[in-house]
Amino acid sequence: MAKTRNKVFEALEVVPANPRWAWCAQSEFLAVFTLWEDERKDGDIWHLYENDGYLNDQLGAKDLKKVLRNAIAKKIPARGIICYAADVTASPRSIKRIDDHELVKLKIYENSKGIFVKKKGVINCLTQISSIKKEKKRKNGIRDLDFIPVGNHSPDRALSIGFQVQRDQKVRNHVIKQAYGKCEYCGNGSFEMEGGLNYLEAHHIIGLAKKGKDTVDNVIALCPNHHREAHFGINAEELERVFAQKVKERNSLKNAHSFT
């Protein structure tokens, strides 16, 4: 089912001044403009605001100018929704349909005649929505840095009793040694330790807490970066599959050499 322009605004989390007549909407992450297909000029250019336009005193025109200027000043990414008018001669216009699957990437510029936008490319709506969510998470993380936790000069102490799986240090040492200082996933070394060896970490592909075996066919040598990614990265499950295959190939090669 095709979306309305306001539904696209809502999905992009941009807010129009008034949903009934506003032809643009914005947030701190994005500015979105209505682009009439019949008003597209050569070079994929739209003249959105005319300095001597007879409608400039109307609220919609004032809002449009404000959002355009704000996007320029704050370098906010600009996008356009291609709209088709029910009647191109009507004033005010109403929308017959829109291109709701993609947005137009825009460059905003201004000259003596007004403010223009030029098409730079297109972006899928779902891709844009995903990009906004990532940018919001990034900025929220930065804002968190403004609040420095007080901490506790006399932290509480509590006795913790639990079970810890005993690892065979010989297995760990064997896997690290046969990796010769290189991560078995990316092939790179990490930092050099005293003695000239590169630092690596042993990782159980299927964790011991998940009943994984503490044997060389379930342990891989990783650089610190990929070891952390294996535990906390969004691709942890895929890495587990790749690690298992690499260890299988490693052990097969070793077994082949043992028979030569």
Protein backbone atom coordinates (compact mmCIF):
# COMPACT_ATOMS: atom_id res chain seq x y z
CA MET A 1 0.00 0.00 0.00
CA ALA A 2 1.39 3.39 -1.04
CA LYS A 3 2.27 5.82 1.73
CA THR A 4 1.16 9.43 1.95
CA ARG A 5 3.72 12.21 2.22
CA ASN A 6 2.91 12.68 5.90
CA LYS A 7 3.44 8.96 6.51
CA VAL A 8 6.90 9.28 4.95
CA PHE A 9 7.58 12.29 7.21
CA GLU A 10 6.53 10.17 10.19
CA ALA A 11 8.74 7.22 9.18
CA LEU A 12 11.72 9.56 8.81
CA GLU A 13 10.93 11.18 12.18
CA VAL A 14 10.83 14.67 10.69
CA VAL A 15 8.23 17.16 11.91
CA PRO A 16 6.26 19.55 9.67
CA ALA A 17 5.15 22.91 11.08
CA ASN A 18 1.58 21.96 10.16
CA PRO A 19 0.77 18.59 8.53
CA ARG A 20 -2.15 20.11 6.58
CA TRP A 21 -0.19 22.63 4.56
CA ALA A 22 3.53 22.35 5.31
CA TRP A 23 5.56 21.30 2.25
CA CYS A 24 8.67 20.47 4.24
CA ALA A 25 9.67 18.92 7.56
CA GLN A 26 12.83 18.64 9.60
CA SER A 27 14.65 17.14 12.55
CA GLU A 28 18.19 17.64 13.82
CA PHE A 29 19.24 14.80 11.50
CA LEU A 30 17.35 15.48 8.26
CA ALA A 31 15.44 18.09 6.24
CA VAL A 32 12.81 16.79 3.80
CA PHE A 33 11.17 18.79 1.00
CA THR A 34 8.27 18.33 -1.40
CA LEU A 35 9.49 18.18 -5.01
CA TRP A 36 6.80 18.54 -7.67
CA GLU A 37 7.69 16.36 -10.63
CA ASP A 38 6.26 18.88 -13.13
CA GLU A 39 8.49 21.64 -11.68
CA ARG A 40 11.73 19.75 -12.26
CA LYS A 41 14.06 21.88 -14.40
CA ASP A 42 16.93 20.85 -16.66
CA GLY A 43 19.76 19.35 -14.64
CA ASP A 44 17.35 17.96 -12.01
CA ILE A 45 16.95 21.33 -10.29
CA TRP A 46 13.97 22.70 -8.35
CA HIS A 47 13.51 26.40 -7.53
CA LEU A 48 11.97 25.96 -4.08
CA TYR A 49 11.95 29.55 -2.87
CA GLU A 50 11.73 32.62 -5.11
CA ASN A 51 12.95 35.87 -3.57
CA ASP A 52 10.26 37.86 -5.40
CA GLY A 53 7.55 35.20 -5.19
CA TYR A 54 4.02 36.52 -4.74
CA LEU A 55 3.25 33.81 -2.15
CA ASN A 56 6.19 34.59 0.12
CA ASP A 57 4.01 36.09 2.84
CA GLN A 58 2.09 32.85 3.31
CA LEU A 59 3.01 30.65 6.26
CA GLY A 60 3.99 27.70 4.07
CA ALA A 61 6.54 29.79 2.16
CA LYS A 62 7.96 31.23 5.37
CA ASP A 63 8.35 27.75 6.85
CA LEU A 64 10.01 26.50 3.66
CA LYS A 65 12.53 29.35 3.68
CA LYS A 66 13.27 28.78 7.36
CA VAL A 67 13.90 25.04 6.91
CA LEU A 68 16.06 25.62 3.82
CA ARG A 69 18.18 28.24 5.59
CA ASN A 70 18.48 26.04 8.69
CA ALA A 71 19.65 23.08 6.61
CA ILE A 72 22.28 25.27 4.93
CA ALA A 73 23.51 26.83 8.18
CA LYS A 74 23.68 23.58 10.16
CA LYS A 75 24.73 21.38 7.22
CA ILE A 76 21.77 19.06 7.77
CA PRO A 77 21.37 16.40 5.04
CA ALA A 78 18.55 17.34 2.65
CA ARG A 79 16.17 14.91 0.96
CA GLY A 80 13.25 15.32 -1.41
CA ILE A 81 9.99 13.43 -1.95
CA ILE A 82 8.88 13.36 -5.59
CA CYS A 83 5.19 14.33 -5.68
CA TYR A 84 2.68 14.32 -8.54
CA ALA A 85 -0.08 16.94 -8.46
CA ALA A 86 -3.72 16.02 -8.91
CA ASP A 87 -4.04 19.24 -10.94
CA VAL A 88 -0.89 21.15 -11.89
CA THR A 89 -2.92 24.33 -12.49
CA ALA A 90 -4.59 24.37 -9.07
CA SER A 91 -3.55 26.67 -6.24
CA PRO A 92 -3.12 25.40 -3.63
CA ARG A 93 -2.17 22.03 -5.04
CA SER A 94 -3.12 18.61 -3.75
CA ILE A 95 -1.02 15.47 -4.07
CA LYS A 96 -2.21 12.68 -6.35
CA ARG A 97 0.63 10.28 -5.52
CA ILE A 98 4.26 10.23 -4.40
CA ASP A 99 7.35 8.11 -4.93
CA ASP A 100 7.32 6.50 -1.50
CA HIS A 101 10.10 3.93 -2.00
CA GLU A 102 13.02 6.31 -2.43
CA LEU A 103 14.17 9.83 -1.58
CA VAL A 104 16.16 12.29 -3.66
CA LYS A 105 19.50 13.37 -2.19
CA LEU A 106 19.73 17.14 -2.50
CA LYS A 107 22.29 19.91 -2.59
CA ILE A 108 20.88 23.28 -1.48
CA TYR A 109 22.26 26.51 -2.90
CA GLU A 110 21.17 30.14 -3.00
CA ASN A 111 21.62 33.02 -5.44
CA SER A 112 19.96 36.35 -6.21
CA LYS A 113 16.82 34.61 -7.53
CA GLY A 114 16.20 32.51 -4.45
CA ILE A 115 16.96 29.07 -3.03
CA PHE A 116 17.40 26.02 -5.25
CA VAL A 117 17.95 22.30 -4.73
CA LYS A 118 19.79 20.01 -7.12
CA LYS A 119 19.54 16.23 -7.29
CA LYS A 120 22.76 14.45 -6.24
CA GLY A 121 21.36 10.93 -6.27
CA VAL A 122 18.70 8.77 -4.64
CA ILE A 123 18.48 6.71 -1.48
CA ASN A 124 16.06 3.95 -0.52
CA CYS A 125 13.64 5.06 2.21
CA LEU A 126 14.42 2.07 4.43
CA THR A 127 18.15 2.73 4.07
CA GLN A 128 17.59 6.36 5.11
CA ILE A 129 15.52 5.31 8.13
CA SER A 130 18.28 2.91 9.22
CA SER A 131 20.88 5.66 8.79
CA ILE A 132 18.86 8.02 11.00
CA LYS A 133 18.58 5.43 13.77
CA LYS A 134 22.36 4.88 13.73
CA GLU A 135 23.03 8.63 13.81
CA LYS A 136 20.65 9.06 16.75
CA LYS A 137 22.46 6.34 18.69
CA ARG A 138 25.81 7.95 17.91
CA LYS A 139 24.70 11.41 19.04
CA ASN A 140 23.01 10.06 22.16
CA GLY A 141 26.29 8.35 23.03
CA ILE A 142 28.15 11.63 22.62
CA ARG A 143 25.61 13.44 24.81
CA ASP A 144 26.17 10.86 27.55
CA LEU A 145 29.76 12.12 27.78
CA ASP A 146 28.43 15.44 29.10
CA PHE A 147 27.35 13.71 32.32
CA ILE A 148 30.37 12.61 34.35
CA PRO A 149 29.40 9.97 36.92
CA VAL A 150 30.36 10.81 40.51
CA GLY A 151 31.31 7.24 41.35
CA ASN A 152 31.86 6.07 44.91
CA HIS A 153 34.96 6.71 47.02
CA SER A 154 33.93 3.88 49.34
CA PRO A 155 32.33 1.26 47.09
CA ASP A 156 30.26 -1.51 48.66
CA ARG A 157 31.90 -4.90 48.93
CA ALA A 158 29.86 -8.06 48.48
CA LEU A 159 30.85 -11.70 48.68
CA SER A 160 30.19 -13.49 45.41
CA ILE A 161 30.06 -17.27 45.24
CA GLY A 162 29.72 -19.10 41.94
CA PHE A 163 31.11 -21.75 39.64
CA GLN A 164 33.99 -21.22 37.23
CA VAL A 165 34.82 -23.65 34.45
CA GLN A 166 38.44 -24.74 34.66
CA ARG A 167 40.29 -24.28 31.38
CA ASP A 168 43.18 -26.48 30.30
CA GLN A 169 46.10 -24.06 29.98
CA LYS A 170 47.90 -26.55 27.75
CA VAL A 171 45.14 -26.28 25.14
CA ARG A 172 45.30 -22.50 25.23
CA ASN A 173 49.10 -22.45 24.93
CA HIS A 174 49.09 -24.95 22.06
CA VAL A 175 46.59 -22.97 19.98
CA ILE A 176 48.37 -19.66 20.60
CA LYS A 177 51.78 -21.17 19.79
CA GLN A 178 50.74 -22.75 16.50
CA ALA A 179 49.20 -19.43 15.31
CA TYR A 180 52.74 -17.95 15.13
CA GLY A 181 51.63 -14.52 16.33
CA LYS A 182 48.86 -14.02 13.74
CA CYS A 183 45.11 -13.87 14.29
CA GLU A 184 43.58 -16.98 12.73
CA TYR A 185 40.63 -14.91 11.51
CA CYS A 186 42.15 -11.77 9.96
CA GLY A 187 45.75 -12.93 9.59
CA ASN A 188 47.17 -9.85 11.31
CA GLY A 189 49.29 -9.63 14.42
CA SER A 190 48.45 -7.39 17.36
CA PHE A 191 50.91 -5.49 19.55
CA GLU A 192 54.33 -6.95 20.30
CA MET A 193 55.07 -8.22 23.80
CA GLU A 194 58.36 -8.47 25.62
CA GLY A 195 60.28 -11.29 24.02
CA GLY A 196 59.19 -10.33 20.50
CA LEU A 197 55.96 -12.34 20.26
CA ASN A 198 52.65 -10.83 19.12
CA TYR A 199 49.85 -10.86 21.69
CA LEU A 200 46.93 -13.19 20.88
CA GLU A 201 43.96 -14.48 22.85
CA ALA A 202 42.44 -17.96 22.89
CA HIS A 203 38.70 -18.01 22.16
CA HIS A 204 36.34 -20.94 22.68
CA ILE A 205 34.13 -20.99 19.58
CA ILE A 206 31.31 -22.63 21.50
CA GLY A 207 31.59 -21.19 24.99
CA LEU A 208 32.31 -23.47 27.91
CA ALA A 209 29.18 -22.13 29.60
CA LYS A 210 27.25 -23.50 26.60
CA LYS A 211 28.78 -26.96 27.08
CA GLY A 212 31.52 -26.29 24.52
CA LYS A 213 34.60 -28.54 24.61
CA ASP A 214 37.92 -27.37 25.99
CA THR A 215 39.87 -28.97 23.14
CA VAL A 216 41.97 -27.67 20.25
CA ASP A 217 39.12 -28.23 17.77
CA ASN A 218 36.97 -25.70 19.67
CA VAL A 219 39.63 -23.04 20.31
CA ILE A 220 40.94 -20.39 17.92
CA ALA A 221 43.69 -17.78 18.35
CA LEU A 222 42.40 -14.23 17.81
CA CYS A 223 43.68 -10.67 17.99
CA PRO A 224 42.05 -8.69 20.86
CA ASN A 225 39.78 -6.78 18.47
CA HIS A 226 38.19 -9.86 16.91
CA HIS A 227 38.04 -11.63 20.27
CA ARG A 228 35.88 -8.78 21.61
CA GLU A 229 33.79 -8.79 18.43
CA ALA A 230 33.20 -12.53 18.84
CA HIS A 231 31.63 -11.84 22.25
CA PHE A 232 29.90 -8.50 21.74
CA GLY A 233 29.64 -7.80 17.99
CA ILE A 234 26.38 -7.89 16.04
CA ASN A 235 27.90 -10.52 13.74
CA ALA A 236 28.88 -12.90 16.56
CA GLU A 237 26.82 -15.80 15.21
CA GLU A 238 28.32 -15.49 11.74
CA LEU A 239 31.82 -15.26 13.22
CA GLU A 240 31.19 -18.48 15.16
CA ARG A 241 30.45 -20.27 11.88
CA VAL A 242 33.57 -18.83 10.18
CA PHE A 243 35.78 -19.65 13.17
CA ALA A 244 34.59 -23.27 13.20
CA GLN A 245 35.41 -23.62 9.50
CA LYS A 246 38.88 -22.10 9.92
CA VAL A 247 39.71 -24.40 12.83
CA LYS A 248 38.47 -27.38 10.84
CA GLU A 249 40.73 -26.42 7.93
CA ARG A 250 43.65 -25.81 10.29
CA ASN A 251 43.32 -29.19 11.95
CA SER A 252 42.82 -30.98 8.62
CA LEU A 253 46.01 -29.43 7.26
CA LYS A 254 47.90 -30.39 10.40
CA ASN A 255 46.63 -33.97 10.22
CA ALA A 256 47.63 -34.19 6.55
CA HIS A 257 51.17 -33.08 7.40
CA SER A 258 51.38 -35.67 10.17
CA PHE A 259 50.96 -38.45 7.59
CA THR A 260 53.65 -37.18 5.20
